[in-house]
Amino acid sequence: MGIIWTLIIGLIAGIVAKFIVPGANEPSGFVLTALLGVVGAFVATYLGQAIGWYSAGEGAGLIGAIVGAVIVLLVWGFFSRRRA
């Protein structure tokens, strides 16, 4: 159930992060933005568990997932601009 919850939170976090990050038009489309949000949620979950903020079975909350999604969007934008 934790993975499903992380997926749902990640989808919401990806949408919110797209509005927060300026110039986040690089990953065009809802699907790619949602996938980056899911990746951000998983990054926030596992990074939070490694740091000790979350226990082993606990996932990142909405705020943590948004922060993770913003970080993933910024990294995505950095690497996509370097290729262009």
N, C-alpha and C. Protein backbone atom coordinates (compact mmCIF):
# COMPACT_ATOMS: atom_id res chain seq x y z
N MET A 1 0.82 -1.19 0.00
CA MET A 1 0.00 0.00 0.00
C MET A 1 0.86 1.25 0.00
N GLY A 2 2.06 1.18 0.56
CA GLY A 2 2.95 2.34 0.60
C GLY A 2 3.38 2.80 -0.78
N ILE A 3 3.61 1.86 -1.69
CA ILE A 3 4.02 2.21 -3.04
C ILE A 3 2.88 2.89 -3.78
N ILE A 4 1.66 2.39 -3.61
CA ILE A 4 0.50 3.01 -4.26
C ILE A 4 0.29 4.43 -3.74
N TRP A 5 0.44 4.61 -2.44
CA TRP A 5 0.30 5.94 -1.85
C TRP A 5 1.37 6.88 -2.40
N THR A 6 2.61 6.39 -2.54
CA THR A 6 3.68 7.21 -3.09
C THR A 6 3.40 7.58 -4.54
N LEU A 7 2.82 6.68 -5.31
CA LEU A 7 2.45 6.98 -6.70
C LEU A 7 1.40 8.08 -6.77
N ILE A 8 0.38 7.98 -5.93
CA ILE A 8 -0.69 8.98 -5.94
C ILE A 8 -0.15 10.34 -5.51
N ILE A 9 0.60 10.36 -4.43
CA ILE A 9 1.20 11.61 -3.96
C ILE A 9 2.16 12.17 -5.01
N GLY A 10 2.90 11.29 -5.67
CA GLY A 10 3.85 11.72 -6.70
C GLY A 10 3.17 12.37 -7.88
N LEU A 11 2.01 11.86 -8.28
CA LEU A 11 1.27 12.47 -9.38
C LEU A 11 0.84 13.89 -9.02
N ILE A 12 0.32 14.04 -7.82
CA ILE A 12 -0.10 15.37 -7.36
C ILE A 12 1.11 16.28 -7.22
N ALA A 13 2.21 15.76 -6.68
CA ALA A 13 3.41 16.56 -6.49
C ALA A 13 4.00 17.01 -7.82
N GLY A 14 3.94 16.16 -8.83
CA GLY A 14 4.46 16.54 -10.14
C GLY A 14 3.69 17.69 -10.75
N ILE A 15 2.39 17.67 -10.58
CA ILE A 15 1.55 18.75 -11.11
C ILE A 15 1.84 20.05 -10.37
N VAL A 16 1.93 19.97 -9.05
CA VAL A 16 2.22 21.17 -8.25
C VAL A 16 3.62 21.70 -8.56
N ALA A 17 4.59 20.80 -8.70
CA ALA A 17 5.97 21.21 -8.95
C ALA A 17 6.11 21.89 -10.31
N LYS A 18 5.30 21.49 -11.28
CA LYS A 18 5.35 22.13 -12.59
C LYS A 18 4.95 23.61 -12.50
N PHE A 19 4.02 23.92 -11.60
CA PHE A 19 3.62 25.31 -11.40
C PHE A 19 4.63 26.10 -10.58
N ILE A 20 5.40 25.41 -9.73
CA ILE A 20 6.36 26.08 -8.86
C ILE A 20 7.65 26.41 -9.60
N VAL A 21 8.15 25.47 -10.39
CA VAL A 21 9.45 25.63 -11.05
C VAL A 21 9.29 26.54 -12.26
N PRO A 22 10.02 27.65 -12.29
CA PRO A 22 9.94 28.52 -13.46
C PRO A 22 10.64 27.86 -14.65
N GLY A 23 10.03 27.95 -15.80
CA GLY A 23 10.62 27.35 -17.00
C GLY A 23 10.55 25.85 -17.00
N ALA A 24 9.57 25.28 -16.34
CA ALA A 24 9.45 23.82 -16.30
C ALA A 24 8.71 23.29 -17.52
N ASN A 25 8.76 24.03 -18.60
CA ASN A 25 8.10 23.59 -19.82
C ASN A 25 8.94 22.57 -20.57
N GLU A 26 10.14 22.30 -20.08
CA GLU A 26 11.00 21.31 -20.73
C GLU A 26 10.33 19.95 -20.82
N PRO A 27 9.89 19.38 -19.69
CA PRO A 27 9.18 18.11 -19.83
C PRO A 27 7.73 18.36 -20.21
N SER A 28 7.50 18.53 -21.50
CA SER A 28 6.16 18.88 -21.94
C SER A 28 5.24 17.67 -21.81
N GLY A 29 4.04 17.94 -21.46
CA GLY A 29 3.05 16.89 -21.36
C GLY A 29 2.76 16.48 -19.93
N PHE A 30 1.53 16.09 -19.73
CA PHE A 30 1.06 15.70 -18.41
C PHE A 30 1.73 14.42 -17.94
N VAL A 31 1.89 13.46 -18.84
CA VAL A 31 2.42 12.15 -18.45
C VAL A 31 3.85 12.26 -17.97
N LEU A 32 4.69 12.99 -18.71
CA LEU A 32 6.08 13.11 -18.31
C LEU A 32 6.22 13.90 -17.01
N THR A 33 5.43 14.94 -16.85
CA THR A 33 5.45 15.70 -15.61
C THR A 33 5.01 14.84 -14.43
N ALA A 34 3.98 14.04 -14.63
CA ALA A 34 3.51 13.15 -13.57
C ALA A 34 4.58 12.11 -13.23
N LEU A 35 5.25 11.58 -14.24
CA LEU A 35 6.31 10.61 -13.99
C LEU A 35 7.47 11.23 -13.22
N LEU A 36 7.83 12.46 -13.57
CA LEU A 36 8.88 13.14 -12.82
C LEU A 36 8.44 13.41 -11.39
N GLY A 37 7.16 13.67 -11.18
CA GLY A 37 6.64 13.83 -9.83
C GLY A 37 6.70 12.54 -9.04
N VAL A 38 6.41 11.43 -9.68
CA VAL A 38 6.50 10.13 -9.02
C VAL A 38 7.96 9.83 -8.66
N VAL A 39 8.87 10.12 -9.58
CA VAL A 39 10.30 9.93 -9.29
C VAL A 39 10.71 10.82 -8.11
N GLY A 40 10.22 12.05 -8.10
CA GLY A 40 10.52 12.95 -6.99
C GLY A 40 9.98 12.45 -5.67
N ALA A 41 8.80 11.85 -5.69
CA ALA A 41 8.23 11.29 -4.47
C ALA A 41 9.06 10.12 -3.96
N PHE A 42 9.51 9.27 -4.89
CA PHE A 42 10.35 8.15 -4.47
C PHE A 42 11.71 8.65 -3.96
N VAL A 43 12.27 9.67 -4.61
CA VAL A 43 13.53 10.25 -4.13
C VAL A 43 13.35 10.81 -2.73
N ALA A 44 12.27 11.54 -2.51
CA ALA A 44 12.01 12.11 -1.18
C ALA A 44 11.80 11.02 -0.15
N THR A 45 11.10 9.95 -0.53
CA THR A 45 10.86 8.85 0.41
C THR A 45 12.16 8.18 0.82
N TYR A 46 12.97 7.80 -0.16
CA TYR A 46 14.19 7.06 0.17
C TYR A 46 15.27 7.95 0.76
N LEU A 47 15.32 9.20 0.35
CA LEU A 47 16.26 10.12 0.96
C LEU A 47 15.86 10.42 2.40
N GLY A 48 14.57 10.59 2.64
CA GLY A 48 14.08 10.81 4.00
C GLY A 48 14.32 9.62 4.90
N GLN A 49 14.18 8.41 4.35
CA GLN A 49 14.46 7.21 5.14
C GLN A 49 15.94 7.08 5.42
N ALA A 50 16.79 7.46 4.47
CA ALA A 50 18.23 7.37 4.67
C ALA A 50 18.71 8.39 5.72
N ILE A 51 18.10 9.56 5.72
CA ILE A 51 18.47 10.59 6.69
C ILE A 51 17.90 10.29 8.07
N GLY A 52 16.76 9.60 8.10
CA GLY A 52 16.15 9.27 9.37
C GLY A 52 14.88 10.04 9.66
N TRP A 53 14.39 10.80 8.66
CA TRP A 53 13.15 11.55 8.86
C TRP A 53 11.94 10.65 8.84
N TYR A 54 11.99 9.57 8.06
CA TYR A 54 10.87 8.64 7.94
C TYR A 54 11.34 7.26 8.37
N SER A 55 10.41 6.48 8.93
CA SER A 55 10.75 5.10 9.28
C SER A 55 10.74 4.25 8.02
N ALA A 56 11.09 2.98 8.16
CA ALA A 56 11.27 2.11 7.00
C ALA A 56 9.99 1.94 6.18
N GLY A 57 8.84 1.86 6.77
CA GLY A 57 7.61 1.67 6.02
C GLY A 57 6.86 2.95 5.70
N GLU A 58 7.40 4.07 6.11
CA GLU A 58 6.70 5.35 5.97
C GLU A 58 7.17 6.06 4.70
N GLY A 59 6.23 6.61 3.96
CA GLY A 59 6.56 7.36 2.76
C GLY A 59 6.60 8.84 3.01
N ALA A 60 7.09 9.56 2.04
CA ALA A 60 7.15 11.02 2.15
C ALA A 60 5.74 11.58 2.05
N GLY A 61 5.50 12.64 2.74
CA GLY A 61 4.22 13.32 2.66
C GLY A 61 4.16 14.19 1.42
N LEU A 62 3.10 14.94 1.31
CA LEU A 62 2.90 15.76 0.12
C LEU A 62 3.99 16.83 0.00
N ILE A 63 4.35 17.47 1.09
CA ILE A 63 5.37 18.52 1.04
C ILE A 63 6.72 17.93 0.64
N GLY A 64 7.09 16.81 1.23
CA GLY A 64 8.35 16.16 0.87
C GLY A 64 8.37 15.71 -0.58
N ALA A 65 7.24 15.20 -1.06
CA ALA A 65 7.15 14.77 -2.45
C ALA A 65 7.24 15.96 -3.40
N ILE A 66 6.65 17.08 -3.03
CA ILE A 66 6.74 18.28 -3.87
C ILE A 66 8.19 18.76 -3.93
N VAL A 67 8.86 18.76 -2.79
CA VAL A 67 10.27 19.16 -2.78
C VAL A 67 11.10 18.22 -3.64
N GLY A 68 10.85 16.92 -3.53
CA GLY A 68 11.56 15.96 -4.38
C GLY A 68 11.26 16.16 -5.85
N ALA A 69 10.01 16.44 -6.18
CA ALA A 69 9.63 16.66 -7.58
C ALA A 69 10.25 17.94 -8.12
N VAL A 70 10.32 18.98 -7.30
CA VAL A 70 10.97 20.22 -7.73
C VAL A 70 12.44 19.97 -8.01
N ILE A 71 13.10 19.20 -7.15
CA ILE A 71 14.51 18.88 -7.36
C ILE A 71 14.69 18.10 -8.65
N VAL A 72 13.84 17.10 -8.89
CA VAL A 72 13.94 16.31 -10.12
C VAL A 72 13.68 17.17 -11.34
N LEU A 73 12.70 18.08 -11.28
CA LEU A 73 12.42 18.98 -12.41
C LEU A 73 13.60 19.92 -12.68
N LEU A 74 14.23 20.42 -11.63
CA LEU A 74 15.39 21.29 -11.82
C LEU A 74 16.56 20.53 -12.45
N VAL A 75 16.79 19.31 -11.99
CA VAL A 75 17.86 18.48 -12.57
C VAL A 75 17.53 18.16 -14.03
N TRP A 76 16.27 17.81 -14.29
CA TRP A 76 15.83 17.51 -15.67
C TRP A 76 16.05 18.72 -16.57
N GLY A 77 15.67 19.90 -16.10
CA GLY A 77 15.85 21.11 -16.88
C GLY A 77 17.31 21.43 -17.13
N PHE A 78 18.16 21.18 -16.14
CA PHE A 78 19.59 21.43 -16.29
C PHE A 78 20.19 20.54 -17.37
N PHE A 79 19.87 19.26 -17.33
CA PHE A 79 20.45 18.33 -18.29
C PHE A 79 19.83 18.48 -19.68
N SER A 80 18.56 18.84 -19.76
CA SER A 80 17.95 19.01 -21.07
C SER A 80 18.47 20.27 -21.76
N ARG A 81 18.82 21.31 -20.99
CA ARG A 81 19.40 22.51 -21.59
C ARG A 81 20.83 22.28 -22.05
N ARG A 82 21.54 21.40 -21.35
CA ARG A 82 22.92 21.11 -21.74
C ARG A 82 22.97 20.38 -23.06
N ARG A 83 21.98 19.52 -23.32
CA ARG A 83 21.95 18.77 -24.58
C ARG A 83 21.58 19.66 -25.76
N ALA A 84 20.77 20.68 -25.49
CA ALA A 84 20.28 21.53 -26.60
C ALA A 84 21.31 22.51 -27.08
